[in-house]
Structure formats: structure tokens, C-alpha cells
């Protein structure tokens, strides 16, 4: 990018003021540490700043501070992302466990209701047969 070439040119010419100004402008345009949402252009600035330090480290002189700050912020974002991903996995696992428990409860309740129906049906038949036999005996008592 243009900033990269400007920093390299200023570093090669020994113009520390221009080099410092370009690196400072680039580091401010990254918007790191401001708490605002980063757009792709800001990410490209971060990449440019870090690649300056990696590839042209001997030319940046005493502007390493800005590159270290950018690297520190990128590392903090990485740690935050990993923490959020871990929390998402834990929340998904908890939701999965809850749904499995709910399905198990429903199965147990269905089995319990089936057992109750199975035990209630023979008893109903016995009471029906008793009531029918009682009615029959009443009929026979009346007509005899």
C-alpha cells in the first residue's frame, strides 16, 4: 500500500519525522482500542502495520510501539473470540442435554401412562363384570 511504501522510503532516507508520522497515522486509522466496530479497511490497516514490522522491521526505527500495541489488541481479540466460541459450545451442549432430558421425561411419562392404562383396563373389566352379574342377580330376584 501507499503507507507501506511511504514508511519504507522515509526509513531508507533517514527521515524519522515523516516515518513516525506515517506509522502514527496508520496506527490511528486501525481504530484499535477505541471500542468501535472494525470495518475491512481497518483490518487492512492492521495487516499493513503488522507486515511493516515483520518485513521491514529495520526501517521502522522507534515506531515499534504502535506495532506492538496492534499485535496486543489482535491477540486480545483472538482470546475473546476463543472464549466466546467456548461459551457457545458450552451453551449448545447444555441445550442438547436439556432437550435429551425433556425427551427422556416425555418417554417416562408415556410409559407411566401406558402402565396405568394397562393396569386400569383389567380392573375396569372386573368391575364391569361384577356390575353386570349384580344386575343379573337383581333381575333374577325380581322375577322369581
N, C-alpha and C. Protein backbone atom coordinates (compact mmCIF):
# COMPACT_ATOMS: atom_id res chain seq x y z
N UNK A 1 0.84 -1.19 0.00
CA UNK A 1 0.00 0.00 0.00
C UNK A 1 0.87 1.25 0.00
N UNK A 2 0.23 2.37 -0.15
CA UNK A 2 0.97 3.63 -0.19
C UNK A 2 1.65 3.95 1.12
N UNK A 3 0.98 3.67 2.23
CA UNK A 3 1.58 3.94 3.53
C UNK A 3 2.83 3.10 3.74
N UNK A 4 2.76 1.87 3.30
CA UNK A 4 3.92 0.99 3.46
C UNK A 4 5.12 1.54 2.68
N UNK A 5 4.89 1.94 1.45
CA UNK A 5 5.98 2.50 0.65
C UNK A 5 6.47 3.82 1.22
N UNK A 6 5.57 4.64 1.75
CA UNK A 6 5.98 5.91 2.35
C UNK A 6 6.84 5.68 3.58
N UNK A 7 6.45 4.71 4.43
CA UNK A 7 7.24 4.41 5.64
C UNK A 7 8.60 3.87 5.23
N UNK A 8 8.64 2.97 4.25
CA UNK A 8 9.92 2.41 3.81
C UNK A 8 10.82 3.48 3.20
N UNK A 9 10.25 4.35 2.41
CA UNK A 9 11.03 5.42 1.78
C UNK A 9 11.57 6.37 2.83
N UNK A 10 10.71 6.75 3.78
CA UNK A 10 11.17 7.65 4.85
C UNK A 10 12.23 6.98 5.71
N UNK A 11 12.09 5.69 5.94
CA UNK A 11 13.09 4.96 6.72
C UNK A 11 14.41 4.85 6.00
N UNK A 12 14.37 4.61 4.70
CA UNK A 12 15.59 4.50 3.91
C UNK A 12 16.31 5.84 3.80
N UNK A 13 15.54 6.91 3.71
CA UNK A 13 16.14 8.24 3.59
C UNK A 13 16.58 8.80 4.95
N UNK A 14 16.17 8.14 6.02
CA UNK A 14 16.55 8.62 7.35
C UNK A 14 15.65 9.75 7.85
N UNK A 15 14.52 9.94 7.25
CA UNK A 15 13.58 10.98 7.66
C UNK A 15 12.68 10.41 8.76
N UNK A 16 13.15 10.52 9.99
CA UNK A 16 12.44 9.92 11.12
C UNK A 16 11.09 10.59 11.37
N UNK A 17 11.00 11.87 11.17
CA UNK A 17 9.75 12.60 11.42
C UNK A 17 8.66 12.12 10.48
N UNK A 18 8.97 11.98 9.20
CA UNK A 18 7.97 11.53 8.22
C UNK A 18 7.58 10.08 8.50
N UNK A 19 8.58 9.24 8.79
CA UNK A 19 8.31 7.84 9.09
C UNK A 19 7.41 7.72 10.30
N UNK A 20 7.71 8.45 11.37
CA UNK A 20 6.89 8.41 12.59
C UNK A 20 5.47 8.90 12.30
N UNK A 21 5.35 9.94 11.49
CA UNK A 21 4.03 10.48 11.17
C UNK A 21 3.19 9.48 10.38
N UNK A 22 3.81 8.80 9.40
CA UNK A 22 3.07 7.81 8.62
C UNK A 22 2.64 6.62 9.47
N UNK A 23 3.54 6.14 10.30
CA UNK A 23 3.20 4.99 11.16
C UNK A 23 2.13 5.38 12.17
N UNK A 24 2.23 6.59 12.73
CA UNK A 24 1.22 7.05 13.68
C UNK A 24 -0.14 7.18 12.99
N UNK A 25 -0.18 7.73 11.79
CA UNK A 25 -1.44 7.85 11.06
C UNK A 25 -2.02 6.48 10.75
N UNK A 26 -1.17 5.56 10.35
CA UNK A 26 -1.63 4.20 10.06
C UNK A 26 -2.17 3.53 11.31
N UNK A 27 -1.48 3.69 12.43
CA UNK A 27 -1.94 3.05 13.67
C UNK A 27 -3.24 3.68 14.17
N UNK A 28 -3.42 4.97 13.95
CA UNK A 28 -4.68 5.60 14.38
C UNK A 28 -5.84 5.18 13.49
N UNK A 29 -5.56 4.94 12.23
CA UNK A 29 -6.63 4.54 11.33
C UNK A 29 -7.07 3.10 11.57
N UNK A 30 -6.32 2.32 12.31
CA UNK A 30 -6.75 0.96 12.62
C UNK A 30 -7.93 0.95 13.58
N UNK A 31 -8.12 2.03 14.34
CA UNK A 31 -9.18 2.16 15.34
C UNK A 31 -9.09 1.11 16.45
N UNK A 32 -7.91 0.58 16.66
CA UNK A 32 -7.73 -0.38 17.75
C UNK A 32 -7.77 0.36 19.08
N UNK A 33 -8.44 -0.23 20.04
CA UNK A 33 -8.53 0.36 21.36
C UNK A 33 -9.63 1.40 21.50
N UNK A 34 -10.39 1.65 20.45
CA UNK A 34 -11.45 2.65 20.53
C UNK A 34 -12.79 2.04 20.89
N UNK A 35 -12.93 0.74 20.74
CA UNK A 35 -14.19 0.08 21.05
C UNK A 35 -15.21 0.15 19.94
N UNK A 36 -14.83 0.66 18.79
CA UNK A 36 -15.76 0.71 17.67
C UNK A 36 -15.64 -0.55 16.82
N UNK A 37 -16.65 -0.79 16.03
CA UNK A 37 -16.65 -1.97 15.16
C UNK A 37 -15.67 -1.73 14.01
N UNK A 38 -14.84 -2.72 13.78
CA UNK A 38 -13.83 -2.60 12.73
C UNK A 38 -14.42 -2.98 11.38
N UNK A 39 -14.11 -2.19 10.41
CA UNK A 39 -14.52 -2.46 9.03
C UNK A 39 -13.34 -3.10 8.31
N UNK A 40 -13.57 -3.64 7.12
CA UNK A 40 -12.46 -4.28 6.38
C UNK A 40 -11.28 -3.35 6.13
N UNK A 41 -11.55 -2.08 5.93
CA UNK A 41 -10.43 -1.15 5.68
C UNK A 41 -9.56 -1.01 6.92
N UNK A 42 -10.15 -1.08 8.11
CA UNK A 42 -9.36 -1.00 9.33
C UNK A 42 -8.53 -2.27 9.53
N UNK A 43 -9.13 -3.39 9.17
CA UNK A 43 -8.38 -4.66 9.26
C UNK A 43 -7.20 -4.64 8.30
N UNK A 44 -7.39 -4.08 7.11
CA UNK A 44 -6.26 -3.97 6.17
C UNK A 44 -5.15 -3.09 6.73
N UNK A 45 -5.53 -2.04 7.46
CA UNK A 45 -4.51 -1.18 8.09
C UNK A 45 -3.75 -1.96 9.15
N UNK A 46 -4.45 -2.78 9.92
CA UNK A 46 -3.78 -3.61 10.93
C UNK A 46 -2.81 -4.56 10.24
N UNK A 47 -3.25 -5.18 9.16
CA UNK A 47 -2.39 -6.10 8.42
C UNK A 47 -1.16 -5.37 7.87
N UNK A 48 -1.37 -4.17 7.36
CA UNK A 48 -0.25 -3.40 6.82
C UNK A 48 0.74 -3.04 7.92
N UNK A 49 0.21 -2.63 9.05
CA UNK A 49 1.08 -2.25 10.17
C UNK A 49 1.90 -3.44 10.66
N UNK A 50 1.25 -4.59 10.79
CA UNK A 50 1.97 -5.78 11.25
C UNK A 50 2.95 -6.30 10.20
N UNK A 51 2.59 -6.20 8.94
CA UNK A 51 3.54 -6.65 7.91
C UNK A 51 4.73 -5.70 7.81
N UNK A 52 4.52 -4.42 8.11
CA UNK A 52 5.66 -3.48 8.17
C UNK A 52 6.66 -3.95 9.21
N UNK A 53 6.15 -4.29 10.37
CA UNK A 53 7.04 -4.75 11.44
C UNK A 53 7.72 -6.05 11.10
N UNK A 54 7.00 -6.94 10.41
CA UNK A 54 7.56 -8.24 10.09
C UNK A 54 8.59 -8.17 8.96
N UNK A 55 8.21 -7.48 7.89
CA UNK A 55 9.06 -7.49 6.70
C UNK A 55 10.11 -6.38 6.68
N UNK A 56 9.76 -5.23 7.20
CA UNK A 56 10.66 -4.07 7.12
C UNK A 56 11.00 -3.55 8.52
N UNK A 57 11.24 -4.43 9.42
CA UNK A 57 11.49 -4.06 10.81
C UNK A 57 12.68 -3.16 11.01
N UNK A 58 13.70 -3.30 10.15
CA UNK A 58 14.89 -2.46 10.33
C UNK A 58 14.65 -1.01 9.91
N UNK A 59 13.57 -0.76 9.19
CA UNK A 59 13.29 0.60 8.71
C UNK A 59 12.34 1.39 9.61
N UNK A 60 11.65 0.72 10.53
CA UNK A 60 10.62 1.41 11.32
C UNK A 60 11.20 2.14 12.52
N UNK A 61 12.42 1.86 12.87
CA UNK A 61 13.08 2.61 13.94
C UNK A 61 12.36 2.51 15.28
N UNK A 62 12.03 3.67 15.85
CA UNK A 62 11.43 3.68 17.19
C UNK A 62 9.89 3.68 17.15
N UNK A 63 9.30 3.30 16.03
CA UNK A 63 7.83 3.24 15.93
C UNK A 63 7.30 1.84 16.22
N UNK A 64 8.14 1.00 16.79
CA UNK A 64 7.71 -0.36 17.13
C UNK A 64 6.55 -0.35 18.13
N UNK A 65 6.46 0.68 18.92
CA UNK A 65 5.41 0.77 19.94
C UNK A 65 4.02 0.57 19.32
N UNK A 66 3.78 1.20 18.19
CA UNK A 66 2.47 1.10 17.54
C UNK A 66 2.20 -0.31 17.03
N UNK A 67 3.25 -0.96 16.56
CA UNK A 67 3.09 -2.33 16.07
C UNK A 67 2.84 -3.30 17.20
N UNK A 68 3.52 -3.06 18.33
CA UNK A 68 3.29 -3.93 19.50
C UNK A 68 1.89 -3.73 20.07
N UNK A 69 1.40 -2.49 20.07
CA UNK A 69 0.04 -2.24 20.53
C UNK A 69 -0.98 -2.94 19.62
N UNK A 70 -0.75 -2.86 18.32
CA UNK A 70 -1.65 -3.53 17.38
C UNK A 70 -1.63 -5.03 17.58
N UNK A 71 -0.44 -5.58 17.74
CA UNK A 71 -0.31 -7.02 17.97
C UNK A 71 -0.99 -7.43 19.27
N UNK A 72 -0.86 -6.61 20.30
CA UNK A 72 -1.50 -6.89 21.58
C UNK A 72 -3.03 -6.89 21.44
N UNK A 73 -3.57 -5.92 20.71
CA UNK A 73 -5.01 -5.85 20.51
C UNK A 73 -5.51 -7.04 19.68
N UNK A 74 -4.76 -7.42 18.68
CA UNK A 74 -5.15 -8.58 17.87
C UNK A 74 -5.16 -9.83 18.73
N UNK A 75 -4.17 -9.97 19.60
CA UNK A 75 -4.13 -11.12 20.50
C UNK A 75 -5.33 -11.09 21.45
N UNK A 76 -5.68 -9.90 21.96
CA UNK A 76 -6.83 -9.78 22.85
C UNK A 76 -8.11 -10.17 22.12
N UNK A 77 -8.27 -9.75 20.87
CA UNK A 77 -9.43 -10.16 20.08
C UNK A 77 -9.48 -11.67 19.90
N UNK A 78 -8.31 -12.25 19.65
CA UNK A 78 -8.24 -13.70 19.47
C UNK A 78 -8.67 -14.43 20.73
N UNK A 79 -8.18 -13.98 21.88
CA UNK A 79 -8.56 -14.59 23.16
C UNK A 79 -10.05 -14.43 23.42
N UNK A 80 -10.58 -13.27 23.12
CA UNK A 80 -12.00 -13.02 23.31
C UNK A 80 -12.84 -13.92 22.40
N UNK A 81 -12.41 -14.07 21.17
CA UNK A 81 -13.13 -14.94 20.24
C UNK A 81 -13.11 -16.38 20.73
N UNK A 82 -11.97 -16.84 21.21
CA UNK A 82 -11.88 -18.21 21.72
C UNK A 82 -12.80 -18.41 22.92
N UNK A 83 -12.85 -17.42 23.80
CA UNK A 83 -13.73 -17.50 24.96
C UNK A 83 -15.19 -17.55 24.54
N UNK A 84 -15.56 -16.72 23.56
CA UNK A 84 -16.94 -16.72 23.08
C UNK A 84 -17.28 -18.04 22.40
N UNK A 85 -16.35 -18.59 21.64
CA UNK A 85 -16.59 -19.87 20.98
C UNK A 85 -16.75 -20.98 22.00
N UNK A 86 -15.94 -20.94 23.05
CA UNK A 86 -16.05 -21.95 24.11
C UNK A 86 -17.39 -21.83 24.82
N UNK A 87 -17.83 -20.59 25.08
CA UNK A 87 -19.13 -20.38 25.71
C UNK A 87 -20.27 -20.84 24.81
N UNK A 88 -20.13 -20.61 23.51
CA UNK A 88 -21.15 -21.08 22.56
C UNK A 88 -21.23 -22.60 22.55
N UNK A 89 -20.06 -23.25 22.58
CA UNK A 89 -20.06 -24.71 22.60
C UNK A 89 -20.67 -25.22 23.90
N UNK A 90 -20.36 -24.57 25.02
CA UNK A 90 -20.93 -24.98 26.30
C UNK A 90 -22.44 -24.76 26.32
N UNK A 91 -22.89 -23.65 25.79
CA UNK A 91 -24.33 -23.38 25.74
C UNK A 91 -25.04 -24.38 24.83
N UNK A 92 -24.41 -24.73 23.71
CA UNK A 92 -25.02 -25.71 22.81
C UNK A 92 -25.09 -27.09 23.47
N UNK A 93 -24.03 -27.45 24.19
CA UNK A 93 -24.04 -28.74 24.90
C UNK A 93 -25.11 -28.75 25.99
N UNK A 94 -25.25 -27.64 26.71
CA UNK A 94 -26.28 -27.57 27.75
C UNK A 94 -27.68 -27.66 27.15
N UNK A 95 -27.90 -26.99 26.03
CA UNK A 95 -29.20 -27.06 25.37
C UNK A 95 -29.48 -28.48 24.88
N UNK A 96 -28.44 -29.16 24.39
CA UNK A 96 -28.60 -30.53 23.94
C UNK A 96 -28.95 -31.44 25.12
N UNK A 97 -28.27 -31.24 26.25
CA UNK A 97 -28.59 -32.03 27.45
C UNK A 97 -30.02 -31.77 27.91
N UNK A 98 -30.44 -30.50 27.89
CA UNK A 98 -31.81 -30.17 28.30
C UNK A 98 -32.83 -30.85 27.40
N UNK A 99 -32.59 -30.82 26.10
CA UNK A 99 -33.55 -31.43 25.18
C UNK A 99 -33.57 -32.95 25.36
N UNK A 100 -32.41 -33.57 25.60
CA UNK A 100 -32.39 -35.02 25.85
C UNK A 100 -33.14 -35.36 27.13
N UNK A 101 -32.95 -34.55 28.18
CA UNK A 101 -33.68 -34.79 29.43
C UNK A 101 -35.18 -34.64 29.23
N UNK A 102 -35.59 -33.65 28.44
CA UNK A 102 -37.01 -33.44 28.17
C UNK A 102 -37.58 -34.64 27.42
N UNK A 103 -36.85 -35.14 26.43
CA UNK A 103 -37.31 -36.32 25.68
C UNK A 103 -37.41 -37.52 26.62
N UNK A 104 -36.41 -37.69 27.50
CA UNK A 104 -36.45 -38.79 28.46
C UNK A 104 -37.65 -38.67 29.39
N UNK A 105 -37.92 -37.45 29.87
CA UNK A 105 -39.09 -37.24 30.74
C UNK A 105 -40.38 -37.59 30.01
N UNK A 106 -40.48 -37.16 28.77
CA UNK A 106 -41.68 -37.47 28.00
C UNK A 106 -41.84 -38.96 27.79
N UNK A 107 -40.75 -39.67 27.51
CA UNK A 107 -40.81 -41.12 27.35
C UNK A 107 -41.23 -41.80 28.64
N UNK A 108 -40.65 -41.35 29.76
CA UNK A 108 -41.02 -41.95 31.05
C UNK A 108 -42.50 -41.70 31.35
N UNK A 109 -42.97 -40.50 31.06
CA UNK A 109 -44.37 -40.18 31.32
C UNK A 109 -45.29 -41.01 30.42
N UNK A 110 -44.92 -41.17 29.16
CA UNK A 110 -45.71 -42.00 28.26
C UNK A 110 -45.73 -43.45 28.75
N UNK A 111 -44.58 -43.96 29.20
CA UNK A 111 -44.52 -45.33 29.72
C UNK A 111 -45.37 -45.46 30.98
N UNK A 112 -45.32 -44.45 31.85
CA UNK A 112 -46.12 -44.47 33.08
C UNK A 112 -47.60 -44.46 32.74
N UNK A 113 -47.99 -43.65 31.78
CA UNK A 113 -49.40 -43.60 31.37
C UNK A 113 -49.83 -44.91 30.73
N UNK A 114 -48.96 -45.52 29.96
CA UNK A 114 -49.27 -46.81 29.35
C UNK A 114 -49.44 -47.88 30.42
N UNK A 115 -48.57 -47.86 31.44
CA UNK A 115 -48.72 -48.83 32.56
C UNK A 115 -50.01 -48.60 33.30
N UNK A 116 -50.36 -47.34 33.52
CA UNK A 116 -51.60 -47.03 34.23
C UNK A 116 -52.80 -47.50 33.43
N UNK A 117 -52.76 -47.30 32.11
CA UNK A 117 -53.86 -47.78 31.28
C UNK A 117 -53.93 -49.30 31.29
N UNK A 118 -52.75 -49.93 31.26
CA UNK A 118 -52.72 -51.39 31.24
C UNK A 118 -53.24 -51.95 32.56
N UNK A 119 -52.91 -51.35 33.68
CA UNK A 119 -53.40 -51.84 34.97
C UNK A 119 -54.84 -51.42 35.20
N UNK A 120 -55.27 -50.34 34.61
CA UNK A 120 -56.65 -49.86 34.81
C UNK A 120 -57.63 -50.65 33.95
N UNK A 121 -57.26 -51.12 32.79
CA UNK A 121 -58.18 -51.82 31.91
C UNK A 121 -58.66 -53.15 32.48
N UNK A 122 -57.80 -54.01 33.01
CA UNK A 122 -58.33 -55.25 33.59
C UNK A 122 -59.23 -54.96 34.79
N UNK A 123 -58.90 -53.98 35.57
CA UNK A 123 -59.75 -53.63 36.71
C UNK A 123 -61.10 -53.14 36.26
N UNK A 124 -61.16 -52.42 35.18
CA UNK A 124 -62.43 -51.93 34.64
C UNK A 124 -63.28 -53.09 34.16
N UNK A 125 -62.64 -54.08 33.56
CA UNK A 125 -63.40 -55.24 33.09
C UNK A 125 -63.97 -56.02 34.27
N UNK A 126 -63.18 -56.14 35.34
CA UNK A 126 -63.65 -56.86 36.52
C UNK A 126 -64.84 -56.14 37.14
N UNK A 127 -64.74 -54.83 37.25
CA UNK A 127 -65.86 -54.09 37.85
C UNK A 127 -67.07 -54.14 36.94
N UNK A 128 -66.86 -54.15 35.62
CA UNK A 128 -67.98 -54.26 34.69
C UNK A 128 -68.65 -55.62 34.84
N UNK A 129 -67.83 -56.65 34.94
CA UNK A 129 -68.42 -57.99 35.05
C UNK A 129 -69.14 -58.14 36.38
N UNK A 130 -68.59 -57.52 37.45
CA UNK A 130 -69.29 -57.58 38.73
C UNK A 130 -70.60 -56.82 38.67
N UNK A 131 -70.59 -55.68 38.08
CA UNK A 131 -71.81 -54.89 38.00
C UNK A 131 -72.83 -55.58 37.10
N UNK A 132 -72.37 -56.23 36.01
CA UNK A 132 -73.29 -56.95 35.15
C UNK A 132 -73.87 -58.15 35.87
N UNK A 133 -73.05 -58.86 36.64
CA UNK A 133 -73.55 -60.02 37.37
C UNK A 133 -74.50 -59.58 38.48
N UNK A 134 -74.23 -58.43 39.10
CA UNK A 134 -75.13 -57.91 40.13
C UNK A 134 -76.47 -57.55 39.50
N UNK A 135 -76.44 -56.95 38.33
CA UNK A 135 -77.68 -56.60 37.65
C UNK A 135 -78.46 -57.83 37.30
N UNK A 136 -77.75 -58.86 36.86
CA UNK A 136 -78.41 -60.11 36.50
C UNK A 136 -79.04 -60.77 37.71
N UNK A 137 -78.34 -60.71 38.86
CA UNK A 137 -78.92 -61.31 40.07
C UNK A 137 -80.11 -60.51 40.55
N UNK A 138 -80.06 -59.22 40.37
CA UNK A 138 -81.20 -58.39 40.74
C UNK A 138 -82.41 -58.73 39.86
N UNK A 139 -82.16 -58.94 38.59
CA UNK A 139 -83.24 -59.28 37.68
C UNK A 139 -83.85 -60.62 38.06
N UNK A 140 -82.97 -61.55 38.41
CA UNK A 140 -83.48 -62.85 38.77
C UNK A 140 -84.25 -62.81 40.08
N UNK A 141 -83.86 -61.96 41.02
CA UNK A 141 -84.57 -61.85 42.29
C UNK A 141 -85.96 -61.23 42.09
N UNK A 142 -86.02 -60.31 41.18
CA UNK A 142 -87.27 -59.61 40.97
C UNK A 142 -88.30 -60.54 40.30
N UNK A 143 -87.86 -61.33 39.36
CA UNK A 143 -88.79 -62.17 38.59
C UNK A 143 -89.02 -63.51 39.25
N UNK A 144 -88.37 -63.80 40.31
CA UNK A 144 -88.58 -65.13 40.88
C UNK A 144 -89.63 -65.15 41.95
